[in-house]
Amino acid sequence: MKLLLWTMPLVAAATLLGGCIEHRVKAEPIEIKPIYITVDVNVKVDRELDNFFDFEDEYRKPADNSEVK
């Protein structure tokens, strides 16, 4: 019981003194640098590929069923 009477004031004092600690955080401004992106577009090759695969468009169209009776 005597141990409890001695530890209670010590715990209370430690708790109260722990609340008096002050922390300071140095906040520096955030630096945002520009981002450079290089995009190479080869339009000529894209057109050549589109011309090469034009035959696929005929097969994607719905069939005309007016000839079939």
N, C-alpha and C. Protein backbone atom coordinates (compact mmCIF):
# COMPACT_ATOMS: atom_id res chain seq x y z
N MET A 1 0.83 -1.19 0.00
CA MET A 1 0.00 0.00 0.00
C MET A 1 0.87 1.25 0.00
N LYS A 2 2.00 1.19 0.77
CA LYS A 2 2.89 2.34 0.80
C LYS A 2 3.51 2.58 -0.57
N LEU A 3 3.77 1.47 -1.30
CA LEU A 3 4.35 1.60 -2.65
C LEU A 3 3.37 2.33 -3.57
N LEU A 4 2.10 2.02 -3.45
CA LEU A 4 1.07 2.67 -4.26
C LEU A 4 0.97 4.16 -3.93
N LEU A 5 1.10 4.52 -2.67
CA LEU A 5 1.05 5.92 -2.28
C LEU A 5 2.25 6.70 -2.79
N TRP A 6 3.38 6.04 -2.94
CA TRP A 6 4.57 6.72 -3.46
C TRP A 6 4.56 6.81 -4.99
N THR A 7 4.04 5.81 -5.65
CA THR A 7 4.08 5.80 -7.12
C THR A 7 3.01 6.70 -7.75
N MET A 8 1.88 6.85 -7.12
CA MET A 8 0.82 7.69 -7.69
C MET A 8 1.27 9.13 -7.88
N PRO A 9 1.88 9.80 -6.89
CA PRO A 9 2.34 11.17 -7.13
C PRO A 9 3.46 11.24 -8.17
N LEU A 10 4.30 10.21 -8.21
CA LEU A 10 5.37 10.21 -9.22
C LEU A 10 4.81 10.08 -10.64
N VAL A 11 3.83 9.23 -10.80
CA VAL A 11 3.20 9.07 -12.10
C VAL A 11 2.46 10.34 -12.49
N ALA A 12 1.78 10.97 -11.57
CA ALA A 12 1.06 12.22 -11.86
C ALA A 12 2.04 13.32 -12.22
N ALA A 13 3.15 13.42 -11.52
CA ALA A 13 4.16 14.44 -11.81
C ALA A 13 4.78 14.20 -13.18
N ALA A 14 5.08 12.96 -13.50
CA ALA A 14 5.67 12.65 -14.81
C ALA A 14 4.69 12.99 -15.94
N THR A 15 3.42 12.72 -15.69
CA THR A 15 2.40 13.02 -16.70
C THR A 15 2.26 14.52 -16.90
N LEU A 16 2.24 15.28 -15.83
CA LEU A 16 2.10 16.73 -15.94
C LEU A 16 3.34 17.36 -16.56
N LEU A 17 4.51 16.90 -16.20
CA LEU A 17 5.74 17.46 -16.77
C LEU A 17 5.91 17.05 -18.22
N GLY A 18 5.41 15.88 -18.60
CA GLY A 18 5.49 15.43 -19.98
C GLY A 18 4.66 16.30 -20.91
N GLY A 19 3.62 16.91 -20.40
CA GLY A 19 2.80 17.80 -21.21
C GLY A 19 3.44 19.15 -21.45
N CYS A 20 4.51 19.47 -20.75
CA CYS A 20 5.18 20.76 -20.90
C CYS A 20 6.27 20.73 -21.97
N ILE A 21 6.54 19.57 -22.53
CA ILE A 21 7.58 19.48 -23.56
C ILE A 21 7.05 20.12 -24.83
N GLU A 22 7.89 20.93 -25.45
CA GLU A 22 7.48 21.64 -26.66
C GLU A 22 8.32 21.16 -27.84
N HIS A 23 7.64 20.91 -28.95
CA HIS A 23 8.31 20.47 -30.17
C HIS A 23 8.16 21.55 -31.22
N ARG A 24 9.23 21.82 -31.94
CA ARG A 24 9.17 22.76 -33.05
C ARG A 24 9.59 22.04 -34.32
N VAL A 25 8.81 22.26 -35.35
CA VAL A 25 9.09 21.64 -36.64
C VAL A 25 9.37 22.75 -37.64
N LYS A 26 10.50 22.64 -38.30
CA LYS A 26 10.85 23.65 -39.29
C LYS A 26 10.21 23.24 -40.62
N ALA A 27 9.33 24.09 -41.12
CA ALA A 27 8.63 23.82 -42.38
C ALA A 27 9.26 24.66 -43.47
N GLU A 28 9.85 23.97 -44.43
CA GLU A 28 10.45 24.66 -45.57
C GLU A 28 9.46 24.64 -46.73
N PRO A 29 9.52 25.66 -47.58
CA PRO A 29 8.60 25.67 -48.72
C PRO A 29 8.92 24.53 -49.69
N ILE A 30 7.88 24.02 -50.32
CA ILE A 30 8.02 22.93 -51.28
C ILE A 30 8.39 23.52 -52.64
N GLU A 31 9.43 23.00 -53.24
CA GLU A 31 9.87 23.49 -54.54
C GLU A 31 9.32 22.56 -55.62
N ILE A 32 8.62 23.16 -56.57
CA ILE A 32 8.06 22.39 -57.68
C ILE A 32 8.83 22.78 -58.93
N LYS A 33 9.52 21.81 -59.50
CA LYS A 33 10.31 22.06 -60.70
C LYS A 33 9.49 21.66 -61.92
N PRO A 34 9.73 22.34 -63.04
CA PRO A 34 8.98 21.97 -64.25
C PRO A 34 9.40 20.59 -64.76
N ILE A 35 8.45 19.91 -65.39
CA ILE A 35 8.68 18.59 -65.95
C ILE A 35 8.64 18.72 -67.47
N TYR A 36 9.69 18.23 -68.11
CA TYR A 36 9.76 18.29 -69.57
C TYR A 36 9.53 16.90 -70.13
N ILE A 37 8.56 16.80 -71.04
CA ILE A 37 8.23 15.53 -71.65
C ILE A 37 8.38 15.67 -73.16
N THR A 38 9.10 14.75 -73.74
CA THR A 38 9.28 14.75 -75.18
C THR A 38 8.44 13.63 -75.76
N VAL A 39 7.56 13.99 -76.68
CA VAL A 39 6.70 13.01 -77.32
C VAL A 39 7.02 13.03 -78.81
N ASP A 40 7.47 11.89 -79.33
CA ASP A 40 7.74 11.77 -80.76
C ASP A 40 6.57 11.03 -81.40
N VAL A 41 5.96 11.68 -82.37
CA VAL A 41 4.84 11.07 -83.07
C VAL A 41 5.24 10.90 -84.52
N ASN A 42 5.20 9.68 -84.97
CA ASN A 42 5.54 9.39 -86.35
C ASN A 42 4.24 9.24 -87.12
N VAL A 43 3.80 10.35 -87.70
CA VAL A 43 2.50 10.40 -88.37
C VAL A 43 2.53 9.62 -89.68
N LYS A 44 3.64 9.66 -90.36
CA LYS A 44 3.73 8.98 -91.65
C LYS A 44 3.53 7.47 -91.48
N VAL A 45 4.18 6.87 -90.52
CA VAL A 45 4.03 5.44 -90.28
C VAL A 45 2.60 5.12 -89.85
N ASP A 46 2.00 5.99 -89.04
CA ASP A 46 0.63 5.77 -88.60
C ASP A 46 -0.33 5.77 -89.79
N ARG A 47 -0.14 6.69 -90.71
CA ARG A 47 -0.99 6.73 -91.91
C ARG A 47 -0.78 5.50 -92.77
N GLU A 48 0.47 5.08 -92.93
CA GLU A 48 0.76 3.89 -93.72
C GLU A 48 0.07 2.66 -93.12
N LEU A 49 0.11 2.54 -91.80
CA LEU A 49 -0.55 1.41 -91.14
C LEU A 49 -2.06 1.48 -91.31
N ASP A 50 -2.62 2.66 -91.22
CA ASP A 50 -4.07 2.81 -91.43
C ASP A 50 -4.45 2.40 -92.85
N ASN A 51 -3.65 2.80 -93.83
CA ASN A 51 -3.93 2.43 -95.21
C ASN A 51 -3.77 0.93 -95.41
N PHE A 52 -2.81 0.33 -94.77
CA PHE A 52 -2.57 -1.11 -94.91
C PHE A 52 -3.72 -1.92 -94.34
N PHE A 53 -4.28 -1.46 -93.22
CA PHE A 53 -5.34 -2.22 -92.56
C PHE A 53 -6.74 -1.74 -92.93
N ASP A 54 -6.89 -0.99 -93.99
CA ASP A 54 -8.22 -0.54 -94.42
C ASP A 54 -9.12 -1.69 -94.81
N PHE A 55 -8.54 -2.80 -95.27
CA PHE A 55 -9.37 -3.92 -95.70
C PHE A 55 -10.17 -4.50 -94.54
N GLU A 56 -9.74 -4.29 -93.32
CA GLU A 56 -10.47 -4.82 -92.17
C GLU A 56 -11.81 -4.11 -91.96
N ASP A 57 -11.90 -2.87 -92.37
CA ASP A 57 -13.14 -2.12 -92.19
C ASP A 57 -14.29 -2.76 -92.97
N GLU A 58 -13.99 -3.36 -94.12
CA GLU A 58 -15.04 -4.00 -94.91
C GLU A 58 -15.63 -5.18 -94.15
N TYR A 59 -14.81 -5.90 -93.40
CA TYR A 59 -15.29 -7.07 -92.68
C TYR A 59 -16.01 -6.70 -91.38
N ARG A 60 -15.78 -5.52 -90.90
CA ARG A 60 -16.43 -5.10 -89.65
C ARG A 60 -17.84 -4.58 -89.90
N LYS A 61 -18.13 -4.14 -91.12
CA LYS A 61 -19.45 -3.62 -91.43
C LYS A 61 -20.47 -4.75 -91.44
N PRO A 62 -21.71 -4.49 -91.01
CA PRO A 62 -22.72 -5.56 -91.06
C PRO A 62 -23.02 -5.95 -92.50
N ALA A 63 -23.29 -7.20 -92.71
CA ALA A 63 -23.56 -7.72 -94.05
C ALA A 63 -24.91 -7.19 -94.54
N ASP A 64 -24.99 -6.95 -95.84
CA ASP A 64 -26.22 -6.48 -96.46
C ASP A 64 -27.03 -7.73 -96.83
N ASN A 65 -28.14 -7.98 -96.18
CA ASN A 65 -28.94 -9.18 -96.38
C ASN A 65 -30.02 -9.00 -97.44
N SER A 66 -30.01 -7.91 -98.19
CA SER A 66 -31.06 -7.68 -99.19
C SER A 66 -30.91 -8.63 -100.36
N GLU A 67 -29.70 -9.14 -100.63
CA GLU A 67 -29.50 -10.04 -101.76
C GLU A 67 -29.95 -11.46 -101.44
N VAL A 68 -29.95 -11.83 -100.18
CA VAL A 68 -30.33 -13.18 -99.78
C VAL A 68 -31.84 -13.23 -99.55
N LYS A 69 -32.54 -14.17 -100.22
CA LYS A 69 -34.00 -14.27 -100.06
C LYS A 69 -34.39 -15.71 -99.85
